[in-house]
Amino acid sequence: MSQQEQTTSWTLPAGPPDSTHDGVLSGMPRTGDPAFDELHVRVLTEAPIPADAIVWLQGNRYARGPKVVEIFTGGYSRTVVITGNDARSDEAHASDGVHVTTIDLRQWLLDRGVPSSAVFVDDVAMHTRDQAMHVLALAQERAWTTMLLVASPHHQLRAFLTFLQYAEEIGWHGRIVNQP
């Protein structure tokens, strides 16, 4: 099977997800479409694999950070890309006054032992499609074939599909592995 087929094809069992998936989708909307719900479960339960980069989508302040550190210290990748936009982050948290920038996220990683040379920061992506465009341009430039995508569980499927769509548009045939 080619890498492109691995990225975009899923073999789904007939019928609804079994009861073991109830905890995975706890608090998540069900669509009533068993195949879609199974895809969502698989996106939320993929195991990490060795990769060229870990991609940390900015959002939810530091909530996604422990997963990034776990994957990095587990030896799955020696590169972390933080992608987001500090102006948008300001807007999202204006009501509580707590603002976490991409540079804050970078420093958070450094404080946990991730070397500075391992961290790339993209601080101009206005939305998920921009994040996909910037990260996949970097992937093409550096000949990456695999990335681990870290977002919050309730954003993971949308982010994954956005990255897949853009990868297809530009002809990047690597593998995106979900790590919510």
Protein backbone atom coordinates (compact mmCIF):
# COMPACT_ATOMS: atom_id res chain seq x y z
CA MET A 1 0.00 0.00 0.00
CA SER A 2 1.41 3.42 -0.91
CA GLN A 3 1.86 6.17 1.68
CA GLN A 4 -0.95 8.14 0.07
CA GLU A 5 -3.32 5.20 0.45
CA GLN A 6 -2.25 4.80 4.08
CA THR A 7 -3.07 8.45 4.71
CA THR A 8 -6.47 8.53 3.10
CA SER A 9 -7.95 5.03 3.24
CA TRP A 10 -9.69 3.46 6.20
CA THR A 11 -11.22 0.00 6.50
CA LEU A 12 -14.31 0.39 8.61
CA PRO A 13 -16.23 -2.47 10.19
CA ALA A 14 -19.92 -2.87 9.43
CA GLY A 15 -22.32 -1.60 12.06
CA PRO A 16 -21.98 0.97 14.81
CA PRO A 17 -18.86 1.38 16.95
CA ASP A 18 -18.89 -1.15 19.78
CA SER A 19 -19.30 -0.21 23.41
CA THR A 20 -15.52 0.08 23.91
CA HIS A 21 -15.69 3.28 21.89
CA ASP A 22 -18.21 4.93 24.20
CA GLY A 23 -15.45 6.33 26.42
CA VAL A 24 -13.46 7.60 23.43
CA LEU A 25 -16.39 9.63 22.14
CA SER A 26 -17.58 10.66 25.60
CA GLY A 27 -18.78 14.23 25.31
CA MET A 28 -18.25 14.19 21.55
CA PRO A 29 -21.14 14.50 19.13
CA ARG A 30 -22.34 11.31 17.45
CA THR A 31 -23.47 11.66 13.88
CA GLY A 32 -25.63 8.58 13.58
CA ASP A 33 -23.39 7.47 10.72
CA PRO A 34 -21.50 4.41 12.00
CA ALA A 35 -18.67 4.75 9.49
CA PHE A 36 -18.11 8.42 10.35
CA ASP A 37 -18.25 7.73 14.08
CA GLU A 38 -15.74 4.90 13.64
CA LEU A 39 -13.43 7.23 11.70
CA HIS A 40 -13.70 9.72 14.55
CA VAL A 41 -12.78 7.01 17.06
CA ARG A 42 -9.78 5.96 14.99
CA VAL A 43 -8.60 9.56 14.71
CA LEU A 44 -8.77 9.85 18.49
CA THR A 45 -7.00 6.55 19.21
CA GLU A 46 -4.08 6.29 16.78
CA ALA A 47 -0.81 5.19 18.33
CA PRO A 48 2.26 7.33 17.73
CA ILE A 49 4.86 6.13 15.23
CA PRO A 50 8.34 7.45 14.42
CA ALA A 51 7.90 10.70 12.50
CA ASP A 52 9.80 13.59 11.00
CA ALA A 53 7.91 16.14 13.09
CA ILE A 54 5.40 16.67 15.85
CA VAL A 55 2.94 19.43 14.90
CA TRP A 56 1.42 21.32 17.85
CA LEU A 57 -1.63 23.30 16.75
CA GLN A 58 -1.88 26.34 19.02
CA GLY A 59 -5.05 26.51 21.07
CA ASN A 60 -6.33 25.63 24.52
CA ARG A 61 -3.25 27.29 26.01
CA TYR A 62 -0.89 24.58 27.33
CA ALA A 63 -3.45 21.74 27.36
CA ARG A 64 -1.91 20.05 24.31
CA GLY A 65 1.64 20.45 25.59
CA PRO A 66 1.90 17.31 27.74
CA LYS A 67 1.05 15.17 24.70
CA VAL A 68 3.77 16.94 22.67
CA VAL A 69 6.34 16.36 25.43
CA GLU A 70 5.24 12.73 25.84
CA ILE A 71 5.72 12.07 22.13
CA PHE A 72 9.04 13.95 21.99
CA THR A 73 10.53 12.29 25.09
CA GLY A 74 9.21 8.95 23.83
CA GLY A 75 11.63 9.32 20.92
CA TYR A 76 9.03 9.46 18.16
CA SER A 77 10.47 12.64 16.63
CA ARG A 78 13.32 15.09 17.14
CA THR A 79 11.38 18.06 15.72
CA VAL A 80 8.41 20.04 17.02
CA VAL A 81 6.51 22.60 14.95
CA ILE A 82 4.28 25.02 16.86
CA THR A 83 1.81 26.67 14.53
CA GLY A 84 -0.76 29.34 15.30
CA ASN A 85 -1.23 33.08 15.50
CA ASP A 86 -0.59 35.28 18.50
CA ALA A 87 -3.08 37.97 17.42
CA ARG A 88 -5.90 35.42 17.13
CA SER A 89 -4.88 33.90 20.45
CA ASP A 90 -5.21 37.37 22.03
CA GLU A 91 -8.76 37.67 20.71
CA ALA A 92 -9.74 34.21 21.92
CA HIS A 93 -8.71 34.92 25.51
CA ALA A 94 -9.44 38.65 25.79
CA SER A 95 -12.21 38.06 28.33
CA ASP A 96 -9.98 36.41 30.94
CA GLY A 97 -6.77 38.27 30.17
CA VAL A 98 -4.69 35.09 29.95
CA HIS A 99 -2.74 35.07 26.71
CA VAL A 100 -0.38 32.27 25.69
CA THR A 101 1.72 33.06 22.62
CA THR A 102 3.55 30.65 20.35
CA ILE A 103 6.77 31.90 21.99
CA ASP A 104 5.28 31.01 25.40
CA LEU A 105 4.54 27.52 24.06
CA ARG A 106 8.12 27.27 22.79
CA GLN A 107 9.51 28.31 26.17
CA TRP A 108 7.21 25.80 27.87
CA LEU A 109 8.79 23.06 25.75
CA LEU A 110 12.31 24.29 26.48
CA ASP A 111 11.53 24.27 30.21
CA ARG A 112 10.64 20.58 29.84
CA GLY A 113 13.88 19.61 28.13
CA VAL A 114 13.06 19.97 24.45
CA PRO A 115 16.15 21.56 22.85
CA SER A 116 15.76 24.94 21.19
CA SER A 117 17.18 23.56 17.95
CA ALA A 118 14.29 21.06 17.79
CA VAL A 119 11.50 23.68 17.83
CA PHE A 120 10.14 25.59 14.83
CA VAL A 121 7.55 28.34 15.37
CA ASP A 122 4.99 29.46 12.80
CA ASP A 123 3.16 32.41 14.36
CA VAL A 124 1.29 33.78 11.35
CA ALA A 125 -1.28 31.05 10.62
CA MET A 126 -4.74 32.60 10.99
CA HIS A 127 -6.74 29.34 10.90
CA THR A 128 -6.35 25.60 10.46
CA ARG A 129 -6.00 25.80 6.69
CA ASP A 130 -3.14 28.31 7.09
CA GLN A 131 -1.56 25.94 9.60
CA ALA A 132 -1.82 23.11 7.08
CA MET A 133 -0.37 25.30 4.31
CA HIS A 134 2.60 26.44 6.40
CA VAL A 135 3.39 23.06 7.95
CA LEU A 136 3.05 21.14 4.70
CA ALA A 137 5.28 23.69 2.90
CA LEU A 138 7.89 22.99 5.59
CA ALA A 139 7.30 19.26 5.15
CA GLN A 140 7.93 19.53 1.41
CA GLU A 141 10.99 21.75 1.92
CA ARG A 142 12.52 19.29 4.40
CA ALA A 143 11.30 16.12 2.61
CA TRP A 144 9.26 14.96 5.60
CA THR A 145 7.12 11.90 5.02
CA THR A 146 5.41 11.53 8.40
CA MET A 147 4.05 13.95 10.98
CA LEU A 148 2.26 13.56 14.29
CA LEU A 149 -0.62 16.05 14.53
CA VAL A 150 -1.51 17.28 18.03
CA ALA A 151 -4.79 19.11 18.60
CA SER A 152 -7.57 18.91 21.17
CA PRO A 153 -9.87 15.90 20.81
CA HIS A 154 -12.83 18.05 19.79
CA HIS A 155 -10.74 19.68 17.03
CA GLN A 156 -8.67 16.68 15.93
CA LEU A 157 -10.90 15.28 13.18
CA ARG A 158 -11.47 18.69 11.58
CA ALA A 159 -7.76 19.52 11.76
CA PHE A 160 -6.80 16.13 10.33
CA LEU A 161 -9.22 16.44 7.42
CA THR A 162 -8.01 19.99 6.72
CA PHE A 163 -4.40 18.79 6.61
CA LEU A 164 -5.37 15.82 4.40
CA GLN A 165 -7.25 18.02 1.96
CA TYR A 166 -4.36 20.45 1.60
CA ALA A 167 -1.84 17.60 1.33
CA GLU A 168 -3.85 16.22 -1.57
CA GLU A 169 -4.07 19.66 -3.23
CA ILE A 170 -0.29 20.10 -3.22
CA GLY A 171 0.59 16.47 -3.93
CA TRP A 172 2.23 15.72 -0.56
CA HIS A 173 1.95 11.97 -0.09
CA GLY A 174 3.18 11.66 3.46
CA ARG A 175 1.40 10.26 6.48
CA ILE A 176 -0.39 12.29 9.12
CA VAL A 177 -0.86 10.48 12.42
CA ASN A 178 -3.32 11.92 14.92
CA GLN A 179 -2.25 12.50 18.50
CA PRO A 180 -5.02 14.30 20.42
